[in-house]
Amino acid sequence: MPDIALLAVFLPTFFFVSITPGMCMTLAMTLGMSIGVRRTMWMMLGELVGVALVAVAAVMGVASIMLNYPEMFAVLKWVGGLYLAYIGVNMWRSKRKMALVEGQTAPSVGNIELMTQGFMTAIANPKGWAFMVSLLPPFISVEREVAPQLLALLSIIMLTEFTSMMAYATGGKSLRVFLSRGDNIKWMNRIAGTLMIAVGFWLALG
């Protein structure tokens, strides 16, 4: 059984780190603004899988290999960053297809593409790796079985990440409703595209 006292400390610690603006939260807000909260949940699914993978890798020691071979990590960051920047450029060039206003259908961006965006952002986030490497080990007791403790920590991580992303995506949706009034759809797309490009460069250069 996991240590309840450690979990009680871990919950607020990870929540405040998770709710802090970062690449994943910015991506959630951007997609919430451009395609709506419901479709953004596909990105959230990919992001949660990526975060879970990073957390497990940090505990199992794979993260130390990544830190010893930074060139591998640099390539991964650039691939993910360029991919998100490419999506942002397409959003800049679009007129109405990326916006959801009354009378329009959902945009053509696929669910797999959304999941890929979330997954790549999560696993190529250097701050995410550094955080997991530094934070998770102290909350693992060597006197107890690792598997139940890791499962409990992952449950907290998934819950707090999902809650935080929903909050950001909902905020983006509210901004979208405001911007979609009148002839402001192109500005909504440009703002969303600019944020996406910024996340991409943040990812590649961070």
N, C-alpha and C. Protein backbone atom coordinates (compact mmCIF):
# COMPACT_ATOMS: atom_id res chain seq x y z
N MET A 1 0.84 -1.20 0.00
CA MET A 1 0.00 0.00 0.00
C MET A 1 0.88 1.26 0.00
N PRO A 2 0.50 2.29 -0.76
CA PRO A 2 1.28 3.53 -0.75
C PRO A 2 1.14 4.27 0.57
N ASP A 3 2.11 5.11 0.86
CA ASP A 3 2.10 5.91 2.08
C ASP A 3 1.09 7.05 1.91
N ILE A 4 0.04 7.03 2.73
CA ILE A 4 -1.02 8.04 2.62
C ILE A 4 -0.48 9.44 2.91
N ALA A 5 0.44 9.54 3.85
CA ALA A 5 1.00 10.84 4.21
C ALA A 5 1.77 11.44 3.03
N LEU A 6 2.54 10.59 2.33
CA LEU A 6 3.27 11.08 1.16
C LEU A 6 2.32 11.51 0.05
N LEU A 7 1.25 10.74 -0.15
CA LEU A 7 0.27 11.09 -1.18
C LEU A 7 -0.42 12.42 -0.85
N ALA A 8 -0.68 12.64 0.44
CA ALA A 8 -1.33 13.88 0.87
C ALA A 8 -0.46 15.09 0.58
N VAL A 9 0.84 14.91 0.62
CA VAL A 9 1.76 16.00 0.29
C VAL A 9 1.92 16.13 -1.22
N PHE A 10 1.93 14.99 -1.91
CA PHE A 10 2.14 14.99 -3.36
C PHE A 10 0.99 15.65 -4.10
N LEU A 11 -0.24 15.44 -3.65
CA LEU A 11 -1.42 15.96 -4.35
C LEU A 11 -1.38 17.47 -4.53
N PRO A 12 -1.26 18.27 -3.46
CA PRO A 12 -1.22 19.72 -3.68
C PRO A 12 0.05 20.18 -4.39
N THR A 13 1.16 19.46 -4.17
CA THR A 13 2.40 19.83 -4.83
C THR A 13 2.27 19.73 -6.34
N PHE A 14 1.78 18.58 -6.81
CA PHE A 14 1.66 18.39 -8.25
C PHE A 14 0.56 19.26 -8.84
N PHE A 15 -0.50 19.52 -8.07
CA PHE A 15 -1.59 20.35 -8.58
C PHE A 15 -1.10 21.75 -8.91
N PHE A 16 -0.34 22.35 -8.01
CA PHE A 16 0.13 23.72 -8.24
C PHE A 16 1.14 23.77 -9.39
N VAL A 17 1.93 22.71 -9.55
CA VAL A 17 2.85 22.66 -10.68
C VAL A 17 2.07 22.47 -11.98
N SER A 18 1.05 21.62 -11.95
CA SER A 18 0.28 21.30 -13.15
C SER A 18 -0.52 22.50 -13.63
N ILE A 19 -1.11 23.26 -12.71
CA ILE A 19 -1.98 24.37 -13.09
C ILE A 19 -1.18 25.57 -13.58
N THR A 20 0.14 25.57 -13.33
CA THR A 20 0.99 26.67 -13.78
C THR A 20 1.06 26.67 -15.31
N PRO A 21 0.94 27.85 -15.95
CA PRO A 21 0.99 27.90 -17.42
C PRO A 21 2.26 27.28 -17.96
N GLY A 22 2.11 26.43 -18.96
CA GLY A 22 3.23 25.76 -19.59
C GLY A 22 2.83 25.37 -21.00
N MET A 23 3.66 24.55 -21.64
CA MET A 23 3.40 24.19 -23.02
C MET A 23 2.09 23.41 -23.18
N CYS A 24 1.87 22.43 -22.32
CA CYS A 24 0.66 21.60 -22.44
C CYS A 24 -0.60 22.42 -22.15
N MET A 25 -0.53 23.31 -21.15
CA MET A 25 -1.69 24.12 -20.82
C MET A 25 -1.97 25.15 -21.92
N THR A 26 -0.90 25.71 -22.48
CA THR A 26 -1.09 26.65 -23.59
C THR A 26 -1.70 25.96 -24.79
N LEU A 27 -1.26 24.73 -25.06
CA LEU A 27 -1.83 23.97 -26.16
C LEU A 27 -3.31 23.68 -25.93
N ALA A 28 -3.67 23.33 -24.69
CA ALA A 28 -5.08 23.07 -24.36
C ALA A 28 -5.92 24.32 -24.57
N MET A 29 -5.42 25.47 -24.14
CA MET A 29 -6.16 26.72 -24.31
C MET A 29 -6.30 27.06 -25.79
N THR A 30 -5.22 26.87 -26.56
CA THR A 30 -5.25 27.18 -27.98
C THR A 30 -6.27 26.32 -28.72
N LEU A 31 -6.26 25.02 -28.46
CA LEU A 31 -7.20 24.13 -29.12
C LEU A 31 -8.62 24.35 -28.63
N GLY A 32 -8.77 24.66 -27.34
CA GLY A 32 -10.11 24.97 -26.82
C GLY A 32 -10.69 26.17 -27.53
N MET A 33 -9.83 27.13 -27.88
CA MET A 33 -10.27 28.33 -28.57
C MET A 33 -10.60 28.04 -30.03
N SER A 34 -9.85 27.14 -30.67
CA SER A 34 -9.99 26.94 -32.11
C SER A 34 -10.95 25.81 -32.48
N ILE A 35 -11.02 24.75 -31.68
CA ILE A 35 -11.87 23.62 -32.07
C ILE A 35 -12.87 23.21 -31.00
N GLY A 36 -12.85 23.85 -29.83
CA GLY A 36 -13.80 23.52 -28.79
C GLY A 36 -13.27 22.51 -27.78
N VAL A 37 -13.89 22.47 -26.61
CA VAL A 37 -13.42 21.63 -25.51
C VAL A 37 -13.56 20.15 -25.84
N ARG A 38 -14.69 19.76 -26.44
CA ARG A 38 -14.93 18.34 -26.69
C ARG A 38 -13.87 17.75 -27.59
N ARG A 39 -13.54 18.44 -28.71
CA ARG A 39 -12.52 17.91 -29.60
C ARG A 39 -11.13 17.99 -28.97
N THR A 40 -10.92 18.99 -28.12
CA THR A 40 -9.62 19.14 -27.45
C THR A 40 -9.32 17.97 -26.54
N MET A 41 -10.35 17.27 -26.10
CA MET A 41 -10.14 16.13 -25.21
C MET A 41 -9.34 15.02 -25.89
N TRP A 42 -9.34 14.97 -27.21
CA TRP A 42 -8.49 14.01 -27.91
C TRP A 42 -7.02 14.36 -27.72
N MET A 43 -6.70 15.66 -27.77
CA MET A 43 -5.34 16.08 -27.48
C MET A 43 -4.97 15.75 -26.04
N MET A 44 -5.93 15.97 -25.13
CA MET A 44 -5.69 15.67 -23.72
C MET A 44 -5.35 14.20 -23.52
N LEU A 45 -6.03 13.33 -24.27
CA LEU A 45 -5.76 11.90 -24.16
C LEU A 45 -4.32 11.59 -24.53
N GLY A 46 -3.86 12.16 -25.65
CA GLY A 46 -2.47 11.96 -26.04
C GLY A 46 -1.50 12.54 -25.04
N GLU A 47 -1.83 13.70 -24.49
CA GLU A 47 -0.96 14.34 -23.50
C GLU A 47 -0.87 13.51 -22.22
N LEU A 48 -2.00 12.97 -21.79
CA LEU A 48 -2.00 12.15 -20.57
C LEU A 48 -1.18 10.89 -20.76
N VAL A 49 -1.27 10.28 -21.94
CA VAL A 49 -0.45 9.10 -22.21
C VAL A 49 1.03 9.47 -22.18
N GLY A 50 1.37 10.62 -22.77
CA GLY A 50 2.75 11.07 -22.76
C GLY A 50 3.26 11.37 -21.37
N VAL A 51 2.46 12.04 -20.56
CA VAL A 51 2.85 12.35 -19.19
C VAL A 51 3.03 11.07 -18.37
N ALA A 52 2.12 10.13 -18.54
CA ALA A 52 2.23 8.85 -17.83
C ALA A 52 3.51 8.13 -18.22
N LEU A 53 3.85 8.16 -19.51
CA LEU A 53 5.07 7.52 -19.99
C LEU A 53 6.30 8.17 -19.38
N VAL A 54 6.30 9.50 -19.34
CA VAL A 54 7.43 10.22 -18.74
C VAL A 54 7.55 9.89 -17.25
N ALA A 55 6.43 9.85 -16.55
CA ALA A 55 6.45 9.55 -15.12
C ALA A 55 6.99 8.16 -14.84
N VAL A 56 6.52 7.18 -15.60
CA VAL A 56 6.99 5.80 -15.41
C VAL A 56 8.48 5.70 -15.74
N ALA A 57 8.88 6.37 -16.83
CA ALA A 57 10.29 6.34 -17.22
C ALA A 57 11.17 6.98 -16.17
N ALA A 58 10.69 8.05 -15.56
CA ALA A 58 11.46 8.73 -14.52
C ALA A 58 11.69 7.81 -13.33
N VAL A 59 10.65 7.10 -12.94
CA VAL A 59 10.76 6.20 -11.79
C VAL A 59 11.64 5.00 -12.12
N MET A 60 11.54 4.49 -13.34
CA MET A 60 12.28 3.29 -13.73
C MET A 60 13.72 3.59 -14.14
N GLY A 61 14.07 4.86 -14.23
CA GLY A 61 15.46 5.21 -14.49
C GLY A 61 15.80 5.50 -15.94
N VAL A 62 14.80 5.43 -16.85
CA VAL A 62 15.09 5.71 -18.25
C VAL A 62 15.47 7.17 -18.44
N ALA A 63 14.92 8.04 -17.61
CA ALA A 63 15.20 9.47 -17.74
C ALA A 63 16.69 9.77 -17.61
N SER A 64 17.39 8.99 -16.79
CA SER A 64 18.82 9.21 -16.63
C SER A 64 19.57 8.98 -17.94
N ILE A 65 19.09 8.02 -18.75
CA ILE A 65 19.70 7.76 -20.05
C ILE A 65 19.50 8.97 -20.96
N MET A 66 18.28 9.53 -20.94
CA MET A 66 17.98 10.69 -21.77
C MET A 66 18.88 11.87 -21.38
N LEU A 67 19.14 12.03 -20.08
CA LEU A 67 19.97 13.12 -19.61
C LEU A 67 21.43 12.92 -20.00
N ASN A 68 21.85 11.65 -20.12
CA ASN A 68 23.22 11.35 -20.51
C ASN A 68 23.44 11.46 -22.01
N TYR A 69 22.36 11.43 -22.77
CA TYR A 69 22.45 11.54 -24.23
C TYR A 69 21.54 12.68 -24.70
N PRO A 70 21.94 13.92 -24.42
CA PRO A 70 21.09 15.08 -24.72
C PRO A 70 20.81 15.26 -26.21
N GLU A 71 21.69 14.71 -27.08
CA GLU A 71 21.45 14.87 -28.51
C GLU A 71 20.18 14.16 -28.96
N MET A 72 19.87 13.03 -28.33
CA MET A 72 18.63 12.32 -28.64
C MET A 72 17.42 13.17 -28.25
N PHE A 73 17.53 13.79 -27.09
CA PHE A 73 16.44 14.61 -26.60
C PHE A 73 16.27 15.87 -27.45
N ALA A 74 17.39 16.43 -27.92
CA ALA A 74 17.33 17.64 -28.75
C ALA A 74 16.60 17.35 -30.05
N VAL A 75 16.87 16.19 -30.67
CA VAL A 75 16.18 15.82 -31.91
C VAL A 75 14.69 15.68 -31.66
N LEU A 76 14.33 15.02 -30.57
CA LEU A 76 12.92 14.83 -30.23
C LEU A 76 12.22 16.16 -30.02
N LYS A 77 12.89 17.10 -29.35
CA LYS A 77 12.30 18.41 -29.12
C LYS A 77 12.06 19.15 -30.43
N TRP A 78 13.04 19.10 -31.32
CA TRP A 78 12.90 19.82 -32.59
C TRP A 78 11.81 19.23 -33.47
N VAL A 79 11.71 17.91 -33.48
CA VAL A 79 10.65 17.26 -34.27
C VAL A 79 9.28 17.69 -33.77
N GLY A 80 9.10 17.61 -32.45
CA GLY A 80 7.82 18.00 -31.86
C GLY A 80 7.53 19.48 -32.06
N GLY A 81 8.56 20.32 -31.88
CA GLY A 81 8.36 21.76 -32.02
C GLY A 81 8.00 22.17 -33.44
N LEU A 82 8.70 21.60 -34.43
CA LEU A 82 8.41 21.92 -35.82
C LEU A 82 7.02 21.43 -36.22
N TYR A 83 6.62 20.31 -35.67
CA TYR A 83 5.29 19.78 -35.98
C TYR A 83 4.20 20.73 -35.49
N LEU A 84 4.35 21.22 -34.26
CA LEU A 84 3.36 22.15 -33.71
C LEU A 84 3.39 23.49 -34.45
N ALA A 85 4.58 23.93 -34.84
CA ALA A 85 4.69 25.18 -35.60
C ALA A 85 4.00 25.04 -36.95
N TYR A 86 4.13 23.87 -37.57
CA TYR A 86 3.46 23.60 -38.85
C TYR A 86 1.94 23.69 -38.70
N ILE A 87 1.43 23.14 -37.61
CA ILE A 87 -0.01 23.22 -37.34
C ILE A 87 -0.42 24.69 -37.16
N GLY A 88 0.41 25.46 -36.46
CA GLY A 88 0.11 26.87 -36.23
C GLY A 88 0.07 27.67 -37.52
N VAL A 89 1.00 27.38 -38.44
CA VAL A 89 1.02 28.08 -39.73
C VAL A 89 -0.26 27.77 -40.50
N ASN A 90 -0.70 26.51 -40.47
CA ASN A 90 -1.93 26.15 -41.16
C ASN A 90 -3.14 26.87 -40.57
N MET A 91 -3.13 27.07 -39.25
CA MET A 91 -4.23 27.79 -38.61
C MET A 91 -4.20 29.26 -39.02
N TRP A 92 -3.02 29.82 -39.18
CA TRP A 92 -2.89 31.21 -39.63
C TRP A 92 -3.47 31.37 -41.03
N ARG A 93 -3.21 30.39 -41.89
CA ARG A 93 -3.63 30.48 -43.29
C ARG A 93 -5.11 30.17 -43.48
N SER A 94 -5.73 29.49 -42.50
CA SER A 94 -7.13 29.13 -42.63
C SER A 94 -8.02 30.34 -42.41
N LYS A 95 -9.23 30.30 -42.95
CA LYS A 95 -10.18 31.39 -42.80
C LYS A 95 -11.30 31.02 -41.83
N ARG A 96 -12.03 29.94 -42.17
CA ARG A 96 -13.14 29.57 -41.30
C ARG A 96 -13.09 28.11 -40.87
N LYS A 97 -12.27 27.31 -41.50
CA LYS A 97 -12.35 25.88 -41.26
C LYS A 97 -11.88 25.46 -39.87
N MET A 98 -11.02 26.28 -39.23
CA MET A 98 -10.55 25.91 -37.90
C MET A 98 -11.41 26.48 -36.80
N ALA A 99 -12.38 27.31 -37.15
CA ALA A 99 -13.20 27.97 -36.15
C ALA A 99 -14.53 27.26 -36.00
N LEU A 100 -15.05 27.21 -34.79
CA LEU A 100 -16.35 26.63 -34.52
C LEU A 100 -17.31 27.73 -34.10
N VAL A 101 -18.19 28.09 -34.98
CA VAL A 101 -19.22 29.05 -34.64
C VAL A 101 -20.55 28.43 -35.00
N GLU A 102 -21.64 29.06 -34.62
CA GLU A 102 -22.96 28.49 -34.87
C GLU A 102 -23.16 28.25 -36.35
N GLY A 103 -23.68 27.05 -36.66
CA GLY A 103 -23.95 26.69 -38.05
C GLY A 103 -22.81 25.99 -38.74
N GLN A 104 -21.62 25.91 -38.09
CA GLN A 104 -20.49 25.24 -38.71
C GLN A 104 -20.32 23.86 -38.12
N THR A 105 -19.77 22.95 -38.91
CA THR A 105 -19.44 21.62 -38.42
C THR A 105 -18.05 21.63 -37.84
N ALA A 106 -17.69 20.51 -37.19
CA ALA A 106 -16.36 20.40 -36.59
C ALA A 106 -15.30 20.47 -37.66
N PRO A 107 -14.14 21.07 -37.38
CA PRO A 107 -13.07 21.17 -38.36
C PRO A 107 -12.53 19.79 -38.74
N SER A 108 -11.82 19.75 -39.86
CA SER A 108 -11.41 18.47 -40.42
C SER A 108 -10.19 17.86 -39.75
N VAL A 109 -9.56 18.55 -38.82
CA VAL A 109 -8.39 18.00 -38.15
C VAL A 109 -8.77 16.69 -37.47
N GLY A 110 -7.95 15.65 -37.69
CA GLY A 110 -8.30 14.32 -37.21
C GLY A 110 -8.01 14.11 -35.74
N ASN A 111 -8.68 13.12 -35.16
CA ASN A 111 -8.47 12.79 -33.75
C ASN A 111 -7.05 12.26 -33.50
N ILE A 112 -6.53 11.47 -34.46
CA ILE A 112 -5.17 10.95 -34.31
C ILE A 112 -4.17 12.09 -34.31
N GLU A 113 -4.40 13.09 -35.16
CA GLU A 113 -3.52 14.26 -35.20
C GLU A 113 -3.55 15.02 -33.89
N LEU A 114 -4.73 15.15 -33.32
CA LEU A 114 -4.85 15.84 -32.03
C LEU A 114 -4.13 15.07 -30.94
N MET A 115 -4.29 13.75 -30.91
CA MET A 115 -3.61 12.95 -29.91
C MET A 115 -2.10 13.03 -30.09
N THR A 116 -1.64 13.07 -31.34
CA THR A 116 -0.21 13.18 -31.61
C THR A 116 0.35 14.50 -31.09
N GLN A 117 -0.40 15.59 -31.29
CA GLN A 117 0.03 16.89 -30.77
C GLN A 117 0.24 16.84 -29.26
N GLY A 118 -0.75 16.29 -28.55
CA GLY A 118 -0.65 16.20 -27.10
C GLY A 118 0.48 15.30 -26.65
N PHE A 119 0.64 14.15 -27.32
CA PHE A 119 1.67 13.18 -26.94
C PHE A 119 3.06 13.76 -27.16
N MET A 120 3.29 14.36 -28.34
CA MET A 120 4.60 14.93 -28.64
C MET A 120 4.95 16.07 -27.70
N THR A 121 3.98 16.90 -27.37
CA THR A 121 4.23 18.01 -26.46
C THR A 121 4.62 17.51 -25.07
N ALA A 122 3.98 16.42 -24.63
CA ALA A 122 4.25 15.90 -23.29
C ALA A 122 5.63 15.24 -23.20
N ILE A 123 5.95 14.38 -24.16
CA ILE A 123 7.21 13.63 -24.04
C ILE A 123 8.43 14.45 -24.44
N ALA A 124 8.23 15.53 -25.19
CA ALA A 124 9.37 16.35 -25.62
C ALA A 124 9.53 17.61 -24.77
N ASN A 125 8.83 17.65 -23.66
CA ASN A 125 8.89 18.81 -22.77
C ASN A 125 10.02 18.61 -21.76
N PRO A 126 11.15 19.31 -21.90
CA PRO A 126 12.27 19.10 -20.98
C PRO A 126 11.94 19.43 -19.53
N LYS A 127 11.09 20.43 -19.33
CA LYS A 127 10.71 20.77 -17.96
C LYS A 127 9.88 19.65 -17.33
N GLY A 128 9.08 18.98 -18.16
CA GLY A 128 8.30 17.84 -17.66
C GLY A 128 9.20 16.71 -17.19
N TRP A 129 10.23 16.41 -17.99
CA TRP A 129 11.17 15.38 -17.59
C TRP A 129 11.92 15.77 -16.32
N ALA A 130 12.43 17.01 -16.29
CA ALA A 130 13.18 17.47 -15.12
C ALA A 130 12.32 17.42 -13.87
N PHE A 131 11.04 17.81 -14.01
CA PHE A 131 10.14 17.81 -12.87
C PHE A 131 9.90 16.38 -12.37
N MET A 132 9.62 15.47 -13.29
CA MET A 132 9.35 14.09 -12.89
C MET A 132 10.57 13.45 -12.25
N VAL A 133 11.76 13.72 -12.82
CA VAL A 133 12.98 13.14 -12.27
C VAL A 133 13.26 13.66 -10.87
N SER A 134 13.00 14.94 -10.64
CA SER A 134 13.31 15.54 -9.34
C SER A 134 12.22 15.31 -8.30
N LEU A 135 10.96 15.24 -8.75
CA LEU A 135 9.86 15.18 -7.79
C LEU A 135 9.42 13.77 -7.41
N LEU A 136 9.31 12.89 -8.40
CA LEU A 136 8.73 11.58 -8.13
C LEU A 136 9.56 10.70 -7.18
N PRO A 137 10.88 10.58 -7.39
CA PRO A 137 11.65 9.67 -6.51
C PRO A 137 11.47 9.90 -5.02
N PRO A 138 11.45 11.15 -4.53
CA PRO A 138 11.28 11.33 -3.08
C PRO A 138 9.94 10.82 -2.54
N PHE A 139 8.95 10.68 -3.42
CA PHE A 139 7.63 10.20 -2.98
C PHE A 139 7.49 8.69 -3.12
N ILE A 140 8.57 8.02 -3.53
CA ILE A 140 8.58 6.56 -3.62
C ILE A 140 9.33 6.02 -2.41
N SER A 141 8.65 5.25 -1.57
CA SER A 141 9.26 4.66 -0.39
C SER A 141 9.93 3.34 -0.76
N VAL A 142 11.21 3.19 -0.40
CA VAL A 142 11.94 1.97 -0.70
C VAL A 142 11.47 0.80 0.16
N GLU A 143 10.74 1.11 1.23
CA GLU A 143 10.28 0.07 2.13
C GLU A 143 8.96 -0.56 1.68
N ARG A 144 8.39 -0.05 0.62
CA ARG A 144 7.12 -0.55 0.11
C ARG A 144 7.27 -0.97 -1.34
N GLU A 145 6.31 -1.73 -1.83
CA GLU A 145 6.34 -2.14 -3.22
C GLU A 145 6.20 -0.92 -4.13
N VAL A 146 6.97 -0.91 -5.19
CA VAL A 146 6.98 0.24 -6.09
C VAL A 146 5.70 0.34 -6.90
N ALA A 147 5.21 -0.78 -7.40
CA ALA A 147 4.06 -0.77 -8.31
C ALA A 147 2.83 -0.07 -7.73
N PRO A 148 2.37 -0.41 -6.52
CA PRO A 148 1.19 0.28 -5.96
C PRO A 148 1.43 1.77 -5.74
N GLN A 149 2.64 2.13 -5.34
CA GLN A 149 2.95 3.55 -5.13
C GLN A 149 2.93 4.31 -6.45
N LEU A 150 3.53 3.71 -7.48
CA LEU A 150 3.55 4.35 -8.79
C LEU A 150 2.14 4.49 -9.35
N LEU A 151 1.31 3.49 -9.14
CA LEU A 151 -0.08 3.55 -9.61
C LEU A 151 -0.83 4.68 -8.93
N ALA A 152 -0.62 4.84 -7.62
CA ALA A 152 -1.30 5.91 -6.88
C ALA A 152 -0.83 7.28 -7.35
N LEU A 153 0.49 7.42 -7.55
CA LEU A 153 1.02 8.70 -8.02
C LEU A 153 0.53 9.02 -9.43
N LEU A 154 0.49 8.01 -10.30
CA LEU A 154 -0.01 8.21 -11.65
C LEU A 154 -1.48 8.63 -11.66
N SER A 155 -2.26 8.06 -10.75
CA SER A 155 -3.67 8.42 -10.67
C SER A 155 -3.83 9.90 -10.32
N ILE A 156 -3.01 10.37 -9.38
CA ILE A 156 -3.04 11.78 -9.00
C ILE A 156 -2.59 12.66 -10.16
N ILE A 157 -1.53 12.24 -10.84
CA ILE A 157 -0.99 13.01 -11.96
C ILE A 157 -2.03 13.13 -13.07
N MET A 158 -2.68 12.01 -13.42
CA MET A 158 -3.68 12.02 -14.50
C MET A 158 -4.87 12.92 -14.14
N LEU A 159 -5.31 12.83 -12.90
CA LEU A 159 -6.47 13.63 -12.47
C LEU A 159 -6.16 15.12 -12.48
N THR A 160 -5.02 15.50 -11.94
CA THR A 160 -4.67 16.92 -11.86
C THR A 160 -4.37 17.49 -13.25
N GLU A 161 -3.69 16.70 -14.10
CA GLU A 161 -3.40 17.17 -15.46
C GLU A 161 -4.68 17.38 -16.25
N PHE A 162 -5.59 16.41 -16.15
CA PHE A 162 -6.85 16.52 -16.89
C PHE A 162 -7.67 17.71 -16.41
N THR A 163 -7.73 17.90 -15.08
CA THR A 163 -8.49 19.02 -14.52
C THR A 163 -7.90 20.35 -14.98
N SER A 164 -6.57 20.45 -14.97
CA SER A 164 -5.92 21.69 -15.37
C SER A 164 -6.15 21.98 -16.85
N MET A 165 -6.01 20.95 -17.69
CA MET A 165 -6.21 21.16 -19.13
C MET A 165 -7.66 21.52 -19.45
N MET A 166 -8.61 20.93 -18.73
CA MET A 166 -10.01 21.28 -18.93
C MET A 166 -10.25 22.74 -18.59
N ALA A 167 -9.61 23.21 -17.53
CA ALA A 167 -9.76 24.61 -17.13
C ALA A 167 -9.22 25.54 -18.21
N TYR A 168 -8.05 25.22 -18.74
CA TYR A 168 -7.46 26.05 -19.80
C TYR A 168 -8.26 25.97 -21.09
N ALA A 169 -8.73 24.77 -21.45
CA ALA A 169 -9.51 24.61 -22.68
C ALA A 169 -10.83 25.36 -22.58
N THR A 170 -11.45 25.32 -21.41
CA THR A 170 -12.71 26.04 -21.20
C THR A 170 -12.49 27.54 -21.32
N GLY A 171 -11.37 28.02 -20.77
CA GLY A 171 -11.04 29.44 -20.92
C GLY A 171 -10.83 29.82 -22.37
N GLY A 172 -10.18 28.92 -23.14
CA GLY A 172 -9.99 29.17 -24.56
C GLY A 172 -11.30 29.20 -25.31
N LYS A 173 -12.24 28.32 -24.92
CA LYS A 173 -13.56 28.31 -25.56
C LYS A 173 -14.30 29.62 -25.31
N SER A 174 -14.21 30.13 -24.09
CA SER A 174 -14.87 31.39 -23.77
C SER A 174 -14.30 32.52 -24.61
N LEU A 175 -12.96 32.50 -24.79
CA LEU A 175 -12.32 33.51 -25.62
C LEU A 175 -12.77 33.37 -27.07
N ARG A 176 -12.94 32.13 -27.53
CA ARG A 176 -13.40 31.89 -28.89
C ARG A 176 -14.78 32.47 -29.13
N VAL A 177 -15.70 32.29 -28.16
CA VAL A 177 -17.05 32.81 -28.30
C VAL A 177 -17.02 34.33 -28.44
N PHE A 178 -16.13 34.97 -27.68
CA PHE A 178 -16.01 36.43 -27.75
C PHE A 178 -15.46 36.87 -29.11
N LEU A 179 -14.43 36.17 -29.58
CA LEU A 179 -13.78 36.58 -30.81
C LEU A 179 -14.60 36.23 -32.05
N SER A 180 -15.47 35.23 -31.95
CA SER A 180 -16.21 34.79 -33.14
C SER A 180 -17.40 35.68 -33.45
N ARG A 181 -17.64 36.70 -32.66
CA ARG A 181 -18.71 37.64 -32.96
C ARG A 181 -18.30 38.53 -34.14
N GLY A 182 -19.24 38.75 -35.01
CA GLY A 182 -18.97 39.62 -36.16
C GLY A 182 -17.97 38.98 -37.12
N ASP A 183 -17.01 39.77 -37.57
CA ASP A 183 -16.04 39.32 -38.56
C ASP A 183 -14.67 39.08 -37.94
N ASN A 184 -14.65 38.49 -36.75
CA ASN A 184 -13.39 38.32 -36.04
C ASN A 184 -12.84 36.91 -36.10
N ILE A 185 -13.42 36.03 -36.95
CA ILE A 185 -12.97 34.66 -37.00
C ILE A 185 -11.51 34.57 -37.44
N LYS A 186 -11.13 35.40 -38.41
CA LYS A 186 -9.75 35.34 -38.88
C LYS A 186 -8.77 35.73 -37.79
N TRP A 187 -9.19 36.66 -36.90
CA TRP A 187 -8.32 37.05 -35.79
C TRP A 187 -8.22 35.93 -34.77
N MET A 188 -9.32 35.22 -34.58
CA MET A 188 -9.30 34.07 -33.67
C MET A 188 -8.31 33.03 -34.17
N ASN A 189 -8.37 32.74 -35.48
CA ASN A 189 -7.48 31.75 -36.06
C ASN A 189 -6.03 32.21 -35.97
N ARG A 190 -5.79 33.51 -36.18
CA ARG A 190 -4.43 34.01 -36.13
C ARG A 190 -3.88 33.99 -34.70
N ILE A 191 -4.72 34.32 -33.74
CA ILE A 191 -4.28 34.26 -32.33
C ILE A 191 -3.97 32.82 -31.96
N ALA A 192 -4.88 31.90 -32.31
CA ALA A 192 -4.67 30.49 -32.00
C ALA A 192 -3.42 29.96 -32.72
N GLY A 193 -3.25 30.35 -34.00
CA GLY A 193 -2.08 29.91 -34.74
C GLY A 193 -0.79 30.46 -34.16
N THR A 194 -0.81 31.72 -33.74
CA THR A 194 0.37 32.33 -33.13
C THR A 194 0.75 31.61 -31.84
N LEU A 195 -0.25 31.30 -31.02
CA LEU A 195 0.01 30.57 -29.78
C LEU A 195 0.59 29.18 -30.07
N MET A 196 0.06 28.51 -31.11
CA MET A 196 0.55 27.19 -31.47
C MET A 196 2.00 27.26 -31.94
N ILE A 197 2.31 28.27 -32.76
CA ILE A 197 3.69 28.45 -33.23
C ILE A 197 4.61 28.75 -32.04
N ALA A 198 4.13 29.57 -31.11
CA ALA A 198 4.93 29.90 -29.92
C ALA A 198 5.21 28.66 -29.10
N VAL A 199 4.21 27.79 -28.94
CA VAL A 199 4.41 26.54 -28.21
C VAL A 199 5.46 25.69 -28.93
N GLY A 200 5.38 25.67 -30.26
CA GLY A 200 6.34 24.89 -31.04
C GLY A 200 7.77 25.36 -30.84
N PHE A 201 7.99 26.68 -30.90
CA PHE A 201 9.34 27.22 -30.68
C PHE A 201 9.76 27.05 -29.23
N TRP A 202 8.81 27.19 -28.31
CA TRP A 202 9.09 26.97 -26.89
C TRP A 202 9.59 25.55 -26.70
N LEU A 203 8.93 24.61 -27.36
CA LEU A 203 9.30 23.21 -27.24
C LEU A 203 10.69 22.94 -27.83
N ALA A 204 10.94 23.50 -29.02
CA ALA A 204 12.21 23.23 -29.72
C ALA A 204 13.40 23.91 -29.05
N LEU A 205 13.19 25.12 -28.53
CA LEU A 205 14.29 25.91 -28.00
C LEU A 205 14.39 25.89 -26.49
N GLY A 206 13.35 25.34 -25.83
CA GLY A 206 13.31 25.37 -24.36
C GLY A 206 14.35 24.46 -23.72
